[in-house]
Amino acid sequence: ELKSGEGISLLNTSLPETGFIWTSPSNGENRGLPTLKEGKNEPTPDVVDKTNLENYINQVKELEVNKEQYTEESWNNLQQVLKDAKAIFE
């Protein structure tokens, strides 16, 4: 179906550097069907919901109280994962 982003991507791959791209209006214009417009095909980044990641980070931070219940190796592994999670979250 050409109304989807997948269809638009397919159409745009068939256009050499002509200065035109296919777009899919989201405002009801053209009944949502693809429209050829002048411009560059610049991908828009996906918006990622990081709520669950933030919750996980907060849960791990709460484990600090019981740090002595963990082996040194498991605690270090947990800290590395926490560091990686924080890097992704930012």
PDB file of N, CA and C in Angstrom:
ATOM      1  N   GLU A   1       0.848  -1.177   0.000  1.00  0.00           N
ATOM      2  CA  GLU A   1       0.000   0.000   0.000  1.00  0.00           C
ATOM      3  C   GLU A   1       0.889   1.235   0.000  1.00  0.00           C
ATOM      4  N   LEU A   2       0.607   2.163  -0.862  1.00  0.00           N
ATOM      5  CA  LEU A   2       1.456   3.344  -1.009  1.00  0.00           C
ATOM      6  C   LEU A   2       1.269   4.376   0.091  1.00  0.00           C
ATOM      7  N   LYS A   3       0.243   4.222   0.923  1.00  0.00           N
ATOM      8  CA  LYS A   3       0.037   5.192   1.993  1.00  0.00           C
ATOM      9  C   LYS A   3       1.033   4.999   3.133  1.00  0.00           C
ATOM     10  N   SER A   4       1.673   3.857   3.184  1.00  0.00           N
ATOM     11  CA  SER A   4       2.579   3.571   4.292  1.00  0.00           C
ATOM     12  C   SER A   4       3.965   4.153   4.038  1.00  0.00           C
ATOM     13  N   GLY A   5       4.728   4.273   5.106  1.00  0.00           N
ATOM     14  CA  GLY A   5       6.098   4.748   4.987  1.00  0.00           C
ATOM     15  C   GLY A   5       6.941   3.800   4.161  1.00  0.00           C
ATOM     16  N   GLU A   6       6.616   2.506   4.207  1.00  0.00           N
ATOM     17  CA  GLU A   6       7.359   1.520   3.431  1.00  0.00           C
ATOM     18  C   GLU A   6       7.187   1.777   1.938  1.00  0.00           C
ATOM     19  N   GLY A   7       5.982   2.109   1.533  1.00  0.00           N
ATOM     20  CA  GLY A   7       5.724   2.418   0.127  1.00  0.00           C
ATOM     21  C   GLY A   7       6.469   3.652  -0.320  1.00  0.00           C
ATOM     22  N   ILE A   8       6.520   4.659   0.541  1.00  0.00           N
ATOM     23  CA  ILE A   8       7.240   5.898   0.232  1.00  0.00           C
ATOM     24  C   ILE A   8       8.726   5.597   0.068  1.00  0.00           C
ATOM     25  N   SER A   9       9.273   4.778   0.955  1.00  0.00           N
ATOM     26  CA  SER A   9      10.690   4.416   0.858  1.00  0.00           C
ATOM     27  C   SER A   9      10.968   3.720  -0.461  1.00  0.00           C
ATOM     28  N   LEU A  10      10.082   2.831  -0.852  1.00  0.00           N
ATOM     29  CA  LEU A  10      10.244   2.125  -2.116  1.00  0.00           C
ATOM     30  C   LEU A  10      10.213   3.095  -3.295  1.00  0.00           C
ATOM     31  N   LEU A  11       9.285   4.022  -3.269  1.00  0.00           N
ATOM     32  CA  LEU A  11       9.208   5.011  -4.346  1.00  0.00           C
ATOM     33  C   LEU A  11      10.473   5.866  -4.402  1.00  0.00           C
ATOM     34  N   ASN A  12      10.978   6.271  -3.244  1.00  0.00           N
ATOM     35  CA  ASN A  12      12.149   7.144  -3.215  1.00  0.00           C
ATOM     36  C   ASN A  12      13.414   6.439  -3.679  1.00  0.00           C
ATOM     37  N   THR A  13      13.490   5.127  -3.536  1.00  0.00           N
ATOM     38  CA  THR A  13      14.683   4.429  -4.014  1.00  0.00           C
ATOM     39  C   THR A  13      14.709   4.369  -5.531  1.00  0.00           C
ATOM     40  N   SER A  14      13.557   4.517  -6.150  1.00  0.00           N
ATOM     41  CA  SER A  14      13.529   4.450  -7.609  1.00  0.00           C
ATOM     42  C   SER A  14      13.831   5.798  -8.255  1.00  0.00           C
ATOM     43  N   LEU A  15      14.033   6.831  -7.436  1.00  0.00           N
ATOM     44  CA  LEU A  15      14.352   8.158  -7.972  1.00  0.00           C
ATOM     45  C   LEU A  15      15.846   8.424  -7.862  1.00  0.00           C
ATOM     46  N   PRO A  16      16.523   8.576  -8.993  1.00  0.00           N
ATOM     47  CA  PRO A  16      17.919   9.004  -8.895  1.00  0.00           C
ATOM     48  C   PRO A  16      17.948  10.441  -8.374  1.00  0.00           C
ATOM     49  N   GLU A  17      19.087  10.986  -8.201  1.00  0.00           N
ATOM     50  CA  GLU A  17      19.226  12.339  -7.661  1.00  0.00           C
ATOM     51  C   GLU A  17      18.577  13.365  -8.591  1.00  0.00           C
ATOM     52  N   THR A  18      17.267  13.418  -8.557  1.00  0.00           N
ATOM     53  CA  THR A  18      16.523  14.328  -9.428  1.00  0.00           C
ATOM     54  C   THR A  18      16.152  15.620  -8.729  1.00  0.00           C
ATOM     55  N   GLY A  19      16.266  15.613  -7.394  1.00  0.00           N
ATOM     56  CA  GLY A  19      15.838  16.787  -6.649  1.00  0.00           C
ATOM     57  C   GLY A  19      14.382  16.697  -6.232  1.00  0.00           C
ATOM     58  N   PHE A  20      13.746  15.552  -6.482  1.00  0.00           N
ATOM     59  CA  PHE A  20      12.359  15.349  -6.085  1.00  0.00           C
ATOM     60  C   PHE A  20      12.254  14.121  -5.190  1.00  0.00           C
ATOM     61  N   ILE A  21      11.264  14.144  -4.299  1.00  0.00           N
ATOM     62  CA  ILE A  21      11.009  13.005  -3.423  1.00  0.00           C
ATOM     63  C   ILE A  21       9.512  12.751  -3.337  1.00  0.00           C
ATOM     64  N   TRP A  22       9.176  11.537  -2.958  1.00  0.00           N
ATOM     65  CA  TRP A  22       7.780  11.214  -2.675  1.00  0.00           C
ATOM     66  C   TRP A  22       7.538  11.454  -1.194  1.00  0.00           C
ATOM     67  N   THR A  23       6.435  12.097  -0.876  1.00  0.00           N
ATOM     68  CA  THR A  23       6.067  12.309   0.521  1.00  0.00           C
ATOM     69  C   THR A  23       4.663  11.781   0.740  1.00  0.00           C
ATOM     70  N   SER A  24       4.381  11.484   1.981  1.00  0.00           N
ATOM     71  CA  SER A  24       3.053  11.012   2.344  1.00  0.00           C
ATOM     72  C   SER A  24       2.437  12.037   3.286  1.00  0.00           C
ATOM     73  N   PRO A  25       1.518  12.855   2.800  1.00  0.00           N
ATOM     74  CA  PRO A  25       0.915  13.890   3.638  1.00  0.00           C
ATOM     75  C   PRO A  25       0.192  13.283   4.835  1.00  0.00           C
ATOM     76  N   SER A  26       0.431  13.830   6.007  1.00  0.00           N
ATOM     77  CA  SER A  26      -0.228  13.321   7.211  1.00  0.00           C
ATOM     78  C   SER A  26      -1.358  14.234   7.664  1.00  0.00           C
ATOM     79  N   ASN A  27      -1.589  15.303   6.927  1.00  0.00           N
ATOM     80  CA  ASN A  27      -2.614  16.265   7.328  1.00  0.00           C
ATOM     81  C   ASN A  27      -3.922  16.095   6.552  1.00  0.00           C
ATOM     82  N   GLY A  28      -4.074  14.960   5.875  1.00  0.00           N
ATOM     83  CA  GLY A  28      -5.292  14.724   5.109  1.00  0.00           C
ATOM     84  C   GLY A  28      -5.221  15.235   3.686  1.00  0.00           C
ATOM     85  N   GLU A  29      -4.182  16.000   3.386  1.00  0.00           N
ATOM     86  CA  GLU A  29      -3.979  16.527   2.037  1.00  0.00           C
ATOM     87  C   GLU A  29      -3.808  15.359   1.068  1.00  0.00           C
ATOM     88  N   ASN A  30      -4.404  15.455  -0.087  1.00  0.00           N
ATOM     89  CA  ASN A  30      -4.288  14.451  -1.141  1.00  0.00           C
ATOM     90  C   ASN A  30      -4.765  13.068  -0.681  1.00  0.00           C
ATOM     91  N   ARG A  31      -5.681  13.056   0.274  1.00  0.00           N
ATOM     92  CA  ARG A  31      -6.258  11.812   0.817  1.00  0.00           C
ATOM     93  C   ARG A  31      -5.194  10.854   1.334  1.00  0.00           C
ATOM     94  N   GLY A  32      -4.058  11.390   1.732  1.00  0.00           N
ATOM     95  CA  GLY A  32      -2.989  10.569   2.276  1.00  0.00           C
ATOM     96  C   GLY A  32      -2.158   9.830   1.253  1.00  0.00           C
ATOM     97  N   LEU A  33      -2.457  10.027  -0.018  1.00  0.00           N
ATOM     98  CA  LEU A  33      -1.696   9.349  -1.068  1.00  0.00           C
ATOM     99  C   LEU A  33      -0.365  10.053  -1.290  1.00  0.00           C
ATOM    100  N   PRO A  34       0.655   9.330  -1.747  1.00  0.00           N
ATOM    101  CA  PRO A  34       1.971   9.936  -1.969  1.00  0.00           C
ATOM    102  C   PRO A  34       1.919  11.097  -2.952  1.00  0.00           C
ATOM    103  N   THR A  35       2.754  12.079  -2.688  1.00  0.00           N
ATOM    104  CA  THR A  35       2.840  13.273  -3.518  1.00  0.00           C
ATOM    105  C   THR A  35       4.302  13.501  -3.883  1.00  0.00           C
ATOM    106  N   LEU A  36       4.559  13.842  -5.126  1.00  0.00           N
ATOM    107  CA  LEU A  36       5.915  14.140  -5.567  1.00  0.00           C
ATOM    108  C   LEU A  36       6.206  15.605  -5.266  1.00  0.00           C
ATOM    109  N   LYS A  37       7.281  15.850  -4.492  1.00  0.00           N
ATOM    110  CA  LYS A  37       7.637  17.217  -4.121  1.00  0.00           C
ATOM    111  C   LYS A  37       9.123  17.429  -4.337  1.00  0.00           C
ATOM    112  N   GLU A  38       9.482  18.693  -4.500  1.00  0.00           N
ATOM    113  CA  GLU A  38      10.888  19.035  -4.648  1.00  0.00           C
ATOM    114  C   GLU A  38      11.542  19.012  -3.273  1.00  0.00           C
ATOM    115  N   GLY A  39      12.708  18.427  -3.194  1.00  0.00           N
ATOM    116  CA  GLY A  39      13.425  18.372  -1.923  1.00  0.00           C
ATOM    117  C   GLY A  39      14.310  17.155  -1.837  1.00  0.00           C
ATOM    118  N   LYS A  40      14.966  16.998  -0.690  1.00  0.00           N
ATOM    119  CA  LYS A  40      15.862  15.872  -0.467  1.00  0.00           C
ATOM    120  C   LYS A  40      15.181  14.849   0.425  1.00  0.00           C
ATOM    121  N   ASN A  41      15.586  13.614   0.253  1.00  0.00           N
ATOM    122  CA  ASN A  41      15.050  12.539   1.071  1.00  0.00           C
ATOM    123  C   ASN A  41      15.896  12.399   2.326  1.00  0.00           C
ATOM    124  N   GLU A  42      15.540  13.142   3.351  1.00  0.00           N
ATOM    125  CA  GLU A  42      16.271  13.089   4.608  1.00  0.00           C
ATOM    126  C   GLU A  42      15.441  12.298   5.605  1.00  0.00           C
ATOM    127  N   PRO A  43      15.996  11.214   6.116  1.00  0.00           N
ATOM    128  CA  PRO A  43      15.230  10.398   7.052  1.00  0.00           C
ATOM    129  C   PRO A  43      14.950  11.161   8.339  1.00  0.00           C
ATOM    130  N   THR A  44      13.784  10.943   8.880  1.00  0.00           N
ATOM    131  CA  THR A  44      13.439  11.548  10.157  1.00  0.00           C
ATOM    132  C   THR A  44      13.679  10.511  11.242  1.00  0.00           C
ATOM    133  N   PRO A  45      14.354  10.894  12.296  1.00  0.00           N
ATOM    134  CA  PRO A  45      14.640   9.922  13.356  1.00  0.00           C
ATOM    135  C   PRO A  45      13.362   9.496  14.068  1.00  0.00           C
ATOM    136  N   ASP A  46      13.327   8.235  14.430  1.00  0.00           N
ATOM    137  CA  ASP A  46      12.190   7.723  15.179  1.00  0.00           C
ATOM    138  C   ASP A  46      12.244   8.255  16.603  1.00  0.00           C
ATOM    139  N   VAL A  47      11.091   8.548  17.154  1.00  0.00           N
ATOM    140  CA  VAL A  47      11.001   8.953  18.545  1.00  0.00           C
ATOM    141  C   VAL A  47      10.888   7.677  19.370  1.00  0.00           C
ATOM    142  N   VAL A  48      11.784   7.517  20.317  1.00  0.00           N
ATOM    143  CA  VAL A  48      11.820   6.306  21.126  1.00  0.00           C
ATOM    144  C   VAL A  48      11.335   6.623  22.532  1.00  0.00           C
ATOM    145  N   ASP A  49      10.404   5.817  23.009  1.00  0.00           N
ATOM    146  CA  ASP A  49       9.910   5.961  24.377  1.00  0.00           C
ATOM    147  C   ASP A  49      10.901   5.273  25.311  1.00  0.00           C
ATOM    148  N   LYS A  50      11.575   6.042  26.127  1.00  0.00           N
ATOM    149  CA  LYS A  50      12.593   5.503  27.024  1.00  0.00           C
ATOM    150  C   LYS A  50      12.095   5.389  28.462  1.00  0.00           C
ATOM    151  N   THR A  51      10.788   5.405  28.643  1.00  0.00           N
ATOM    152  CA  THR A  51      10.209   5.339  29.981  1.00  0.00           C
ATOM    153  C   THR A  51      10.630   4.073  30.709  1.00  0.00           C
ATOM    154  N   ASN A  52      10.536   2.925  30.035  1.00  0.00           N
ATOM    155  CA  ASN A  52      10.909   1.664  30.684  1.00  0.00           C
ATOM    156  C   ASN A  52      12.390   1.628  31.028  1.00  0.00           C
ATOM    157  N   LEU A  53      13.219   2.189  30.175  1.00  0.00           N
ATOM    158  CA  LEU A  53      14.650   2.237  30.455  1.00  0.00           C
ATOM    159  C   LEU A  53      14.923   3.100  31.680  1.00  0.00           C
ATOM    160  N   GLU A  54      14.237   4.222  31.771  1.00  0.00           N
ATOM    161  CA  GLU A  54      14.394   5.096  32.937  1.00  0.00           C
ATOM    162  C   GLU A  54      13.962   4.374  34.210  1.00  0.00           C
ATOM    163  N   ASN A  55      12.858   3.630  34.139  1.00  0.00           N
ATOM    164  CA  ASN A  55      12.394   2.866  35.301  1.00  0.00           C
ATOM    165  C   ASN A  55      13.430   1.828  35.716  1.00  0.00           C
ATOM    166  N   TYR A  56      14.015   1.148  34.741  1.00  0.00           N
ATOM    167  CA  TYR A  56      15.048   0.152  35.018  1.00  0.00           C
ATOM    168  C   TYR A  56      16.246   0.808  35.705  1.00  0.00           C
ATOM    169  N   ILE A  57      16.698   1.927  35.189  1.00  0.00           N
ATOM    170  CA  ILE A  57      17.841   2.636  35.779  1.00  0.00           C
ATOM    171  C   ILE A  57      17.547   2.985  37.230  1.00  0.00           C
ATOM    172  N   ASN A  58      16.350   3.474  37.487  1.00  0.00           N
ATOM    173  CA  ASN A  58      15.977   3.831  38.859  1.00  0.00           C
ATOM    174  C   ASN A  58      15.918   2.609  39.768  1.00  0.00           C
ATOM    175  N   GLN A  59      15.440   1.480  39.248  1.00  0.00           N
ATOM    176  CA  GLN A  59      15.388   0.249  40.044  1.00  0.00           C
ATOM    177  C   GLN A  59      16.794  -0.224  40.407  1.00  0.00           C
ATOM    178  N   VAL A  60      17.697  -0.140  39.455  1.00  0.00           N
ATOM    179  CA  VAL A  60      19.071  -0.572  39.717  1.00  0.00           C
ATOM    180  C   VAL A  60      19.725   0.346  40.744  1.00  0.00           C
ATOM    181  N   LYS A  61      19.450   1.630  40.669  1.00  0.00           N
ATOM    182  CA  LYS A  61      20.010   2.575  41.644  1.00  0.00           C
ATOM    183  C   LYS A  61      19.555   2.226  43.060  1.00  0.00           C
ATOM    184  N   GLU A  62      18.319   1.732  43.187  1.00  0.00           N
ATOM    185  CA  GLU A  62      17.785   1.360  44.503  1.00  0.00           C
ATOM    186  C   GLU A  62      18.503   0.145  45.088  1.00  0.00           C
ATOM    187  N   LEU A  63      19.161  -0.641  44.260  1.00  0.00           N
ATOM    188  CA  LEU A  63      19.876  -1.824  44.733  1.00  0.00           C
ATOM    189  C   LEU A  63      21.144  -1.466  45.498  1.00  0.00           C
ATOM    190  N   GLU A  64      21.600  -0.233  45.383  1.00  0.00           N
ATOM    191  CA  GLU A  64      22.804   0.224  46.090  1.00  0.00           C
ATOM    192  C   GLU A  64      22.707  -0.058  47.583  1.00  0.00           C
ATOM    193  N   VAL A  65      21.512   0.016  48.134  1.00  0.00           N
ATOM    194  CA  VAL A  65      21.300  -0.190  49.569  1.00  0.00           C
ATOM    195  C   VAL A  65      21.744  -1.594  49.982  1.00  0.00           C
ATOM    196  N   ASN A  66      21.532  -2.572  49.106  1.00  0.00           N
ATOM    197  CA  ASN A  66      21.855  -3.966  49.414  1.00  0.00           C
ATOM    198  C   ASN A  66      23.058  -4.466  48.618  1.00  0.00           C
ATOM    199  N   LYS A  67      23.964  -3.599  48.336  1.00  0.00           N
ATOM    200  CA  LYS A  67      25.126  -3.932  47.505  1.00  0.00           C
ATOM    201  C   LYS A  67      25.888  -5.142  48.045  1.00  0.00           C
ATOM    202  N   GLU A  68      25.981  -5.269  49.357  1.00  0.00           N
ATOM    203  CA  GLU A  68      26.758  -6.350  49.973  1.00  0.00           C
ATOM    204  C   GLU A  68      26.151  -7.733  49.734  1.00  0.00           C
ATOM    205  N   GLN A  69      24.918  -7.793  49.258  1.00  0.00           N
ATOM    206  CA  GLN A  69      24.272  -9.078  48.974  1.00  0.00           C
ATOM    207  C   GLN A  69      24.731  -9.670  47.640  1.00  0.00           C
ATOM    208  N   TYR A  70      25.473  -8.928  46.880  1.00  0.00           N
ATOM    209  CA  TYR A  70      25.916  -9.362  45.557  1.00  0.00           C
ATOM    210  C   TYR A  70      27.401  -9.702  45.585  1.00  0.00           C
ATOM    211  N   THR A  71      27.795 -10.631  44.734  1.00  0.00           N
ATOM    212  CA  THR A  71      29.228 -10.894  44.593  1.00  0.00           C
ATOM    213  C   THR A  71      29.858  -9.703  43.881  1.00  0.00           C
ATOM    214  N   GLU A  72      31.146  -9.581  44.031  1.00  0.00           N
ATOM    215  CA  GLU A  72      31.836  -8.466  43.381  1.00  0.00           C
ATOM    216  C   GLU A  72      31.661  -8.537  41.866  1.00  0.00           C
ATOM    217  N   GLU A  73      31.753  -9.746  41.329  1.00  0.00           N
ATOM    218  CA  GLU A  73      31.618  -9.922  39.881  1.00  0.00           C
ATOM    219  C   GLU A  73      30.218  -9.543  39.395  1.00  0.00           C
ATOM    220  N   SER A  74      29.188 -10.012  40.099  1.00  0.00           N
ATOM    221  CA  SER A  74      27.823  -9.697  39.652  1.00  0.00           C
ATOM    222  C   SER A  74      27.524  -8.209  39.816  1.00  0.00           C
ATOM    223  N   TRP A  75      28.047  -7.614  40.887  1.00  0.00           N
ATOM    224  CA  TRP A  75      27.821  -6.180  41.092  1.00  0.00           C
ATOM    225  C   TRP A  75      28.513  -5.370  39.991  1.00  0.00           C
ATOM    226  N   ASN A  76      29.733  -5.756  39.643  1.00  0.00           N
ATOM    227  CA  ASN A  76      30.458  -5.054  38.579  1.00  0.00           C
ATOM    228  C   ASN A  76      29.744  -5.199  37.239  1.00  0.00           C
ATOM    229  N   ASN A  77      29.215  -6.391  36.974  1.00  0.00           N
ATOM    230  CA  ASN A  77      28.448  -6.596  35.738  1.00  0.00           C
ATOM    231  C   ASN A  77      27.208  -5.712  35.718  1.00  0.00           C
ATOM    232  N   LEU A  78      26.534  -5.640  36.846  1.00  0.00           N
ATOM    233  CA  LEU A  78      25.337  -4.800  36.946  1.00  0.00           C
ATOM    234  C   LEU A  78      25.690  -3.334  36.724  1.00  0.00           C
ATOM    235  N   GLN A  79      26.811  -2.904  37.270  1.00  0.00           N
ATOM    236  CA  GLN A  79      27.232  -1.512  37.106  1.00  0.00           C
ATOM    237  C   GLN A  79      27.574  -1.203  35.650  1.00  0.00           C
ATOM    238  N   GLN A  80      28.153  -2.174  34.947  1.00  0.00           N
ATOM    239  CA  GLN A  80      28.467  -1.971  33.531  1.00  0.00           C
ATOM    240  C   GLN A  80      27.185  -1.836  32.718  1.00  0.00           C
ATOM    241  N   VAL A  81      26.214  -2.689  33.015  1.00  0.00           N
ATOM    242  CA  VAL A  81      24.924  -2.612  32.318  1.00  0.00           C
ATOM    243  C   VAL A  81      24.244  -1.286  32.634  1.00  0.00           C
ATOM    244  N   LEU A  82      24.329  -0.847  33.879  1.00  0.00           N
ATOM    245  CA  LEU A  82      23.743   0.439  34.271  1.00  0.00           C
ATOM    246  C   LEU A  82      24.416   1.583  33.517  1.00  0.00           C
ATOM    247  N   LYS A  83      25.725   1.519  33.394  1.00  0.00           N
ATOM    248  CA  LYS A  83      26.464   2.551  32.652  1.00  0.00           C
ATOM    249  C   LYS A  83      26.001   2.594  31.195  1.00  0.00           C
ATOM    250  N   ASP A  84      25.861   1.412  30.584  1.00  0.00           N
ATOM    251  CA  ASP A  84      25.397   1.334  29.195  1.00  0.00           C
ATOM    252  C   ASP A  84      23.976   1.874  29.058  1.00  0.00           C
ATOM    253  N   ALA A  85      23.123   1.528  30.015  1.00  0.00           N
ATOM    254  CA  ALA A  85      21.728   1.990  29.979  1.00  0.00           C
ATOM    255  C   ALA A  85      21.662   3.510  30.092  1.00  0.00           C
ATOM    256  N   LYS A  86      22.485   4.078  30.965  1.00  0.00           N
ATOM    257  CA  LYS A  86      22.506   5.539  31.121  1.00  0.00           C
ATOM    258  C   LYS A  86      22.978   6.222  29.837  1.00  0.00           C
ATOM    259  N   ALA A  87      23.954   5.615  29.168  1.00  0.00           N
ATOM    260  CA  ALA A  87      24.459   6.187  27.912  1.00  0.00           C
ATOM    261  C   ALA A  87      23.366   6.194  26.852  1.00  0.00           C
ATOM    262  N   ILE A  88      22.584   5.134  26.800  1.00  0.00           N
ATOM    263  CA  ILE A  88      21.475   5.066  25.840  1.00  0.00           C
ATOM    264  C   ILE A  88      20.387   6.059  26.214  1.00  0.00           C
ATOM    265  N   PHE A  89      20.125   6.188  27.505  1.00  0.00           N
ATOM    266  CA  PHE A  89      19.049   7.064  27.973  1.00  0.00           C
ATOM    267  C   PHE A  89      19.324   8.524  27.648  1.00  0.00           C
ATOM    268  N   GLU A  90      20.583   8.927  27.690  1.00  0.00           N
ATOM    269  CA  GLU A  90      20.937  10.333  27.429  1.00  0.00           C
ATOM    270  C   GLU A  90      20.850  10.599  25.997  1.00  0.00           C
TER     271      GLU A  90
END
